[in-house]
Every structure is written in structure tokens, then in C-alpha cells.
């Protein structure tokens, strides 16, 4: 493999966390265009998440985030298919990032569908529709879809709660 191809694969892996062979295939499909390859991998991750959406998620973990000063905190339950995936660094990092999102953005509902009774709810009050605080170009649902593509299992946020002193 030419050095330039190896370098492109490394760059694409750094951007997407996808596997080497997936990156190589995406670069071949896009004729070496890293941006197109990244889009290809994102579409593949969304398709992978859609295929796995009906799978049972009865493993996972509960994670918390307490903001400095101890005045705001959040707790989430996030589920996956196996305890093996639940113990991976990628899954625990995802859980912590989502708990941090809940503390920072104060969502009221998980999805727009969960808020059907209240017609005035906007997408910014629904966790899965919110822009990710660490990368506003992605929503929380995009973040979960990427993790599904990488970890190969269905992942679901089951519930969350935000706590703030005085509220």
C-alpha cells in the first residue's frame, strides 16, 4: 500500500474511529477523497444503527456527571446488547459524554415522540435531537449511531435525570 494511502487511512480513522478495512474501502469508493469517505462511513453507521434498532438492549450501565462546584449533576441509564460492550472504553466514554450533555443542556424528553402530549416542545428540549456540546455538527443521535457502527451493537438511552440545586 502506498504511503499516501496509508496516511489517508490514518487521517480517516482519526476523524471517524472506523476500522482500517472500513476506511480503506471508503477511500476506494470515494477515489481518495477523505471528505467523501467520511460521509460514506457516516451513512454506513446510520444504516448499521437502523439494522440493529430492533435488537434487545438489556445490558449497559448507569453513569453520572457532576459539574464542578457540585451544583448541577446528571444521571443516565444507557443500554447495549452485551455486558462485554458495556465495559468497553468507547461505551463508557459515550455514557459519560451523554451524562455531561444532560447536565449542560437540560433536556426534558428523550425524543420528540416522547413529548407528543406537549405540542410546544422544540427539538432542543429532546436529548437525541440536541447538538452534541463537544461537536455541534453532530446530534446526540448521530453520536449514538457512530457508536453502534463502531461497537456493532444496538445502543439506547433508556432514561435520564438532571439535578440542580434550587430547582
C-alpha atoms as a PDB file:
ATOM      1  CA  UNK A   1       0.000   0.000   0.000  1.00  0.00           C
ATOM      2  CA  UNK A   2       1.490   3.383  -0.951  1.00  0.00           C
ATOM      3  CA  UNK A   3       2.465   5.693   1.882  1.00  0.00           C
ATOM      4  CA  UNK A   4      -0.093   8.265   0.763  1.00  0.00           C
ATOM      5  CA  UNK A   5      -2.896   5.667   1.040  1.00  0.00           C
ATOM      6  CA  UNK A   6      -1.681   4.679   4.487  1.00  0.00           C
ATOM      7  CA  UNK A   7      -1.655   8.335   5.508  1.00  0.00           C
ATOM      8  CA  UNK A   8      -5.205   8.826   4.182  1.00  0.00           C
ATOM      9  CA  UNK A   9      -6.390   5.779   6.129  1.00  0.00           C
ATOM     10  CA  UNK A  10      -4.794   7.156   9.302  1.00  0.00           C
ATOM     11  CA  UNK A  11      -6.453  10.540   8.750  1.00  0.00           C
ATOM     12  CA  UNK A  12      -9.856   8.959   8.118  1.00  0.00           C
ATOM     13  CA  UNK A  13      -9.527   6.721  11.192  1.00  0.00           C
ATOM     14  CA  UNK A  14      -8.670   9.774  13.305  1.00  0.00           C
ATOM     15  CA  UNK A  15     -11.801  11.537  12.053  1.00  0.00           C
ATOM     16  CA  UNK A  16     -14.233   8.622  12.313  1.00  0.00           C
ATOM     17  CA  UNK A  17     -12.761   5.916  14.603  1.00  0.00           C
ATOM     18  CA  UNK A  18     -13.773   3.386  11.938  1.00  0.00           C
ATOM     19  CA  UNK A  19     -11.799   0.199  11.353  1.00  0.00           C
ATOM     20  CA  UNK A  20      -8.836   0.048   8.961  1.00  0.00           C
ATOM     21  CA  UNK A  21     -10.617  -2.087   6.367  1.00  0.00           C
ATOM     22  CA  UNK A  22     -13.738   0.107   6.502  1.00  0.00           C
ATOM     23  CA  UNK A  23     -11.565   3.187   5.964  1.00  0.00           C
ATOM     24  CA  UNK A  24      -9.714   1.534   3.093  1.00  0.00           C
ATOM     25  CA  UNK A  25     -12.988   0.545   1.403  1.00  0.00           C
ATOM     26  CA  UNK A  26     -14.470   4.014   1.911  1.00  0.00           C
ATOM     27  CA  UNK A  27     -11.373   5.635   0.394  1.00  0.00           C
ATOM     28  CA  UNK A  28     -11.538   3.279  -2.578  1.00  0.00           C
ATOM     29  CA  UNK A  29     -15.251   4.107  -3.054  1.00  0.00           C
ATOM     30  CA  UNK A  30     -14.521   7.844  -2.898  1.00  0.00           C
ATOM     31  CA  UNK A  31     -11.373   7.634  -5.070  1.00  0.00           C
ATOM     32  CA  UNK A  32      -9.171   9.019  -2.290  1.00  0.00           C
ATOM     33  CA  UNK A  33     -11.432  11.928  -1.248  1.00  0.00           C
ATOM     34  CA  UNK A  34     -11.302  11.887   2.565  1.00  0.00           C
ATOM     35  CA  UNK A  35     -14.407  14.069   2.988  1.00  0.00           C
ATOM     36  CA  UNK A  36     -16.490  11.811   0.738  1.00  0.00           C
ATOM     37  CA  UNK A  37     -15.089   8.742   2.500  1.00  0.00           C
ATOM     38  CA  UNK A  38     -16.090  10.232   5.862  1.00  0.00           C
ATOM     39  CA  UNK A  39     -19.631  10.819   4.568  1.00  0.00           C
ATOM     40  CA  UNK A  40     -19.729   7.255   3.253  1.00  0.00           C
ATOM     41  CA  UNK A  41     -18.726   5.898   6.674  1.00  0.00           C
ATOM     42  CA  UNK A  42     -21.335   8.048   8.448  1.00  0.00           C
ATOM     43  CA  UNK A  43     -24.059   6.752   6.119  1.00  0.00           C
ATOM     44  CA  UNK A  44     -22.847   3.218   6.768  1.00  0.00           C
ATOM     45  CA  UNK A  45     -23.033   3.865  10.529  1.00  0.00           C
ATOM     46  CA  UNK A  46     -26.592   5.181  10.256  1.00  0.00           C
ATOM     47  CA  UNK A  47     -27.584   2.158   8.141  1.00  0.00           C
ATOM     48  CA  UNK A  48     -25.926  -0.160  10.649  1.00  0.00           C
ATOM     49  CA  UNK A  49     -27.786   1.517  13.515  1.00  0.00           C
ATOM     50  CA  UNK A  50     -31.096   1.166  11.661  1.00  0.00           C
ATOM     51  CA  UNK A  51     -30.498  -2.567  11.129  1.00  0.00           C
ATOM     52  CA  UNK A  52     -29.771  -3.090  14.819  1.00  0.00           C
ATOM     53  CA  UNK A  53     -32.564  -0.861  16.175  1.00  0.00           C
ATOM     54  CA  UNK A  54     -34.923  -3.746  16.952  1.00  0.00           C
ATOM     55  CA  UNK A  55     -32.370  -5.752  18.911  1.00  0.00           C
ATOM     56  CA  UNK A  56     -32.930  -6.158  22.655  1.00  0.00           C
ATOM     57  CA  UNK A  57     -30.765  -3.969  24.914  1.00  0.00           C
ATOM     58  CA  UNK A  58     -30.773  -5.381  28.423  1.00  0.00           C
ATOM     59  CA  UNK A  59     -27.159  -4.737  29.408  1.00  0.00           C
ATOM     60  CA  UNK A  60     -25.381  -1.418  29.889  1.00  0.00           C
ATOM     61  CA  UNK A  61     -24.539   0.923  32.697  1.00  0.00           C
ATOM     62  CA  UNK A  62     -25.633   3.888  34.732  1.00  0.00           C
ATOM     63  CA  UNK A  63     -23.322   6.872  34.555  1.00  0.00           C
ATOM     64  CA  UNK A  64     -23.251  10.213  36.310  1.00  0.00           C
ATOM     65  CA  UNK A  65     -21.732  13.599  35.698  1.00  0.00           C
ATOM     66  CA  UNK A  66     -21.325  16.208  38.428  1.00  0.00           C
ATOM     67  CA  UNK A  67     -20.370  19.666  37.221  1.00  0.00           C
ATOM     68  CA  UNK A  68     -17.536  21.404  39.062  1.00  0.00           C
ATOM     69  CA  UNK A  69     -18.825  23.020  42.199  1.00  0.00           C
ATOM     70  CA  UNK A  70     -21.340  20.247  42.739  1.00  0.00           C
ATOM     71  CA  UNK A  71     -24.389  22.407  41.926  1.00  0.00           C
ATOM     72  CA  UNK A  72     -25.510  20.537  38.778  1.00  0.00           C
ATOM     73  CA  UNK A  73     -25.483  16.823  38.088  1.00  0.00           C
ATOM     74  CA  UNK A  74     -26.969  14.243  35.771  1.00  0.00           C
ATOM     75  CA  UNK A  75     -27.575  10.503  35.814  1.00  0.00           C
ATOM     76  CA  UNK A  76     -28.322   8.346  32.763  1.00  0.00           C
ATOM     77  CA  UNK A  77     -29.078   4.718  32.028  1.00  0.00           C
ATOM     78  CA  UNK A  78     -27.655   3.657  28.679  1.00  0.00           C
ATOM     79  CA  UNK A  79     -28.146   0.140  27.360  1.00  0.00           C
ATOM     80  CA  UNK A  80     -26.489  -2.178  24.875  1.00  0.00           C
ATOM     81  CA  UNK A  81     -26.804  -5.850  23.958  1.00  0.00           C
ATOM     82  CA  UNK A  82     -23.931  -7.433  25.920  1.00  0.00           C
ATOM     83  CA  UNK A  83     -22.018  -6.782  29.110  1.00  0.00           C
ATOM     84  CA  UNK A  84     -18.798  -7.120  27.098  1.00  0.00           C
ATOM     85  CA  UNK A  85     -19.592  -3.937  25.130  1.00  0.00           C
ATOM     86  CA  UNK A  86     -20.884  -2.209  28.269  1.00  0.00           C
ATOM     87  CA  UNK A  87     -17.392  -2.497  29.782  1.00  0.00           C
ATOM     88  CA  UNK A  88     -15.511  -1.046  26.790  1.00  0.00           C
ATOM     89  CA  UNK A  89     -13.854   2.352  26.970  1.00  0.00           C
ATOM     90  CA  UNK A  90     -15.862   3.524  23.948  1.00  0.00           C
ATOM     91  CA  UNK A  91     -19.183   2.701  25.600  1.00  0.00           C
ATOM     92  CA  UNK A  92     -18.277   4.186  28.992  1.00  0.00           C
ATOM     93  CA  UNK A  93     -16.980   7.319  27.268  1.00  0.00           C
ATOM     94  CA  UNK A  94     -20.247   7.612  25.305  1.00  0.00           C
ATOM     95  CA  UNK A  95     -22.249   7.254  28.522  1.00  0.00           C
ATOM     96  CA  UNK A  96     -20.209   9.948  30.263  1.00  0.00           C
ATOM     97  CA  UNK A  97     -20.485  12.333  27.294  1.00  0.00           C
ATOM     98  CA  UNK A  98     -24.265  11.925  27.251  1.00  0.00           C
ATOM     99  CA  UNK A  99     -24.496  12.464  31.023  1.00  0.00           C
ATOM    100  CA  UNK A 100     -22.454  15.657  30.548  1.00  0.00           C
ATOM    101  CA  UNK A 101     -24.841  16.687  27.744  1.00  0.00           C
ATOM    102  CA  UNK A 102     -27.833  16.227  30.058  1.00  0.00           C
ATOM    103  CA  UNK A 103     -26.205  18.353  32.762  1.00  0.00           C
ATOM    104  CA  UNK A 104     -25.245  21.112  30.315  1.00  0.00           C
ATOM    105  CA  UNK A 105     -28.313  21.289  28.068  1.00  0.00           C
ATOM    106  CA  UNK A 106     -31.152  20.304  30.417  1.00  0.00           C
ATOM    107  CA  UNK A 107     -33.267  18.234  28.007  1.00  0.00           C
ATOM    108  CA  UNK A 108     -36.793  17.404  29.125  1.00  0.00           C
ATOM    109  CA  UNK A 109     -37.550  14.482  26.809  1.00  0.00           C
ATOM    110  CA  UNK A 110     -35.597  11.724  25.108  1.00  0.00           C
ATOM    111  CA  UNK A 111     -37.225  12.162  21.675  1.00  0.00           C
ATOM    112  CA  UNK A 112     -39.817  14.389  20.040  1.00  0.00           C
ATOM    113  CA  UNK A 113     -42.185  11.404  20.041  1.00  0.00           C
ATOM    114  CA  UNK A 114     -41.899  11.203  23.844  1.00  0.00           C
ATOM    115  CA  UNK A 115     -43.195  14.764  24.051  1.00  0.00           C
ATOM    116  CA  UNK A 116     -46.351  14.227  21.927  1.00  0.00           C
ATOM    117  CA  UNK A 117     -48.621  15.391  24.745  1.00  0.00           C
ATOM    118  CA  UNK A 118     -46.960  18.795  24.757  1.00  0.00           C
ATOM    119  CA  UNK A 119     -47.281  20.366  21.294  1.00  0.00           C
ATOM    120  CA  UNK A 120     -44.991  23.301  22.112  1.00  0.00           C
ATOM    121  CA  UNK A 121     -41.872  21.183  22.644  1.00  0.00           C
ATOM    122  CA  UNK A 122     -38.958  22.052  20.388  1.00  0.00           C
ATOM    123  CA  UNK A 123     -36.179  19.712  19.306  1.00  0.00           C
ATOM    124  CA  UNK A 124     -33.682  21.460  21.596  1.00  0.00           C
ATOM    125  CA  UNK A 125     -35.627  20.072  24.577  1.00  0.00           C
ATOM    126  CA  UNK A 126     -35.250  16.490  23.243  1.00  0.00           C
ATOM    127  CA  UNK A 127     -31.934  14.867  24.128  1.00  0.00           C
ATOM    128  CA  UNK A 128     -31.424  12.827  20.958  1.00  0.00           C
ATOM    129  CA  UNK A 129     -32.065  15.875  18.729  1.00  0.00           C
ATOM    130  CA  UNK A 130     -29.712  18.236  20.567  1.00  0.00           C
ATOM    131  CA  UNK A 131     -26.371  19.245  19.035  1.00  0.00           C
ATOM    132  CA  UNK A 132     -23.538  17.491  20.906  1.00  0.00           C
ATOM    133  CA  UNK A 133     -21.803  20.030  23.174  1.00  0.00           C
ATOM    134  CA  UNK A 134     -18.319  18.792  22.218  1.00  0.00           C
ATOM    135  CA  UNK A 135     -19.069  18.818  18.459  1.00  0.00           C
ATOM    136  CA  UNK A 136     -22.170  20.819  17.427  1.00  0.00           C
ATOM    137  CA  UNK A 137     -22.021  19.383  13.890  1.00  0.00           C
ATOM    138  CA  UNK A 138     -23.394  16.120  15.369  1.00  0.00           C
ATOM    139  CA  UNK A 139     -26.569  15.407  17.280  1.00  0.00           C
ATOM    140  CA  UNK A 140     -26.665  13.016  20.223  1.00  0.00           C
ATOM    141  CA  UNK A 141     -28.432  10.530  17.926  1.00  0.00           C
ATOM    142  CA  UNK A 142     -25.522  10.844  15.453  1.00  0.00           C
ATOM    143  CA  UNK A 143     -23.109  10.155  18.304  1.00  0.00           C
ATOM    144  CA  UNK A 144     -25.051   7.029  19.273  1.00  0.00           C
ATOM    145  CA  UNK A 145     -25.252   5.884  15.625  1.00  0.00           C
ATOM    146  CA  UNK A 146     -21.467   6.205  15.295  1.00  0.00           C
ATOM    147  CA  UNK A 147     -21.025   4.106  18.436  1.00  0.00           C
ATOM    148  CA  UNK A 148     -23.437   1.467  17.077  1.00  0.00           C
ATOM    149  CA  UNK A 149     -21.416   1.298  13.866  1.00  0.00           C
ATOM    150  CA  UNK A 150     -18.141   1.023  15.748  1.00  0.00           C
ATOM    151  CA  UNK A 151     -19.232  -1.368  18.516  1.00  0.00           C
ATOM    152  CA  UNK A 152     -21.598  -3.480  16.402  1.00  0.00           C
ATOM    153  CA  UNK A 153     -24.473  -3.485  18.887  1.00  0.00           C
ATOM    154  CA  UNK A 154     -27.722  -1.617  19.368  1.00  0.00           C
ATOM    155  CA  UNK A 155     -27.358   1.191  21.908  1.00  0.00           C
ATOM    156  CA  UNK A 156     -30.229   3.001  23.564  1.00  0.00           C
ATOM    157  CA  UNK A 157     -30.513   5.731  26.177  1.00  0.00           C
ATOM    158  CA  UNK A 158     -33.231   4.330  28.422  1.00  0.00           C
ATOM    159  CA  UNK A 159     -33.700   7.267  30.806  1.00  0.00           C
ATOM    160  CA  UNK A 160     -32.000  10.297  32.282  1.00  0.00           C
ATOM    161  CA  UNK A 161     -32.407  12.828  35.066  1.00  0.00           C
ATOM    162  CA  UNK A 162     -30.807  16.211  35.677  1.00  0.00           C
ATOM    163  CA  UNK A 163     -30.374  17.653  39.135  1.00  0.00           C
ATOM    164  CA  UNK A 164     -29.705  21.285  40.013  1.00  0.00           C
ATOM    165  CA  UNK A 165     -29.639  22.931  43.423  1.00  0.00           C
ATOM    166  CA  UNK A 166     -32.703  25.067  43.980  1.00  0.00           C
ATOM    167  CA  UNK A 167     -34.795  23.608  41.143  1.00  0.00           C
END
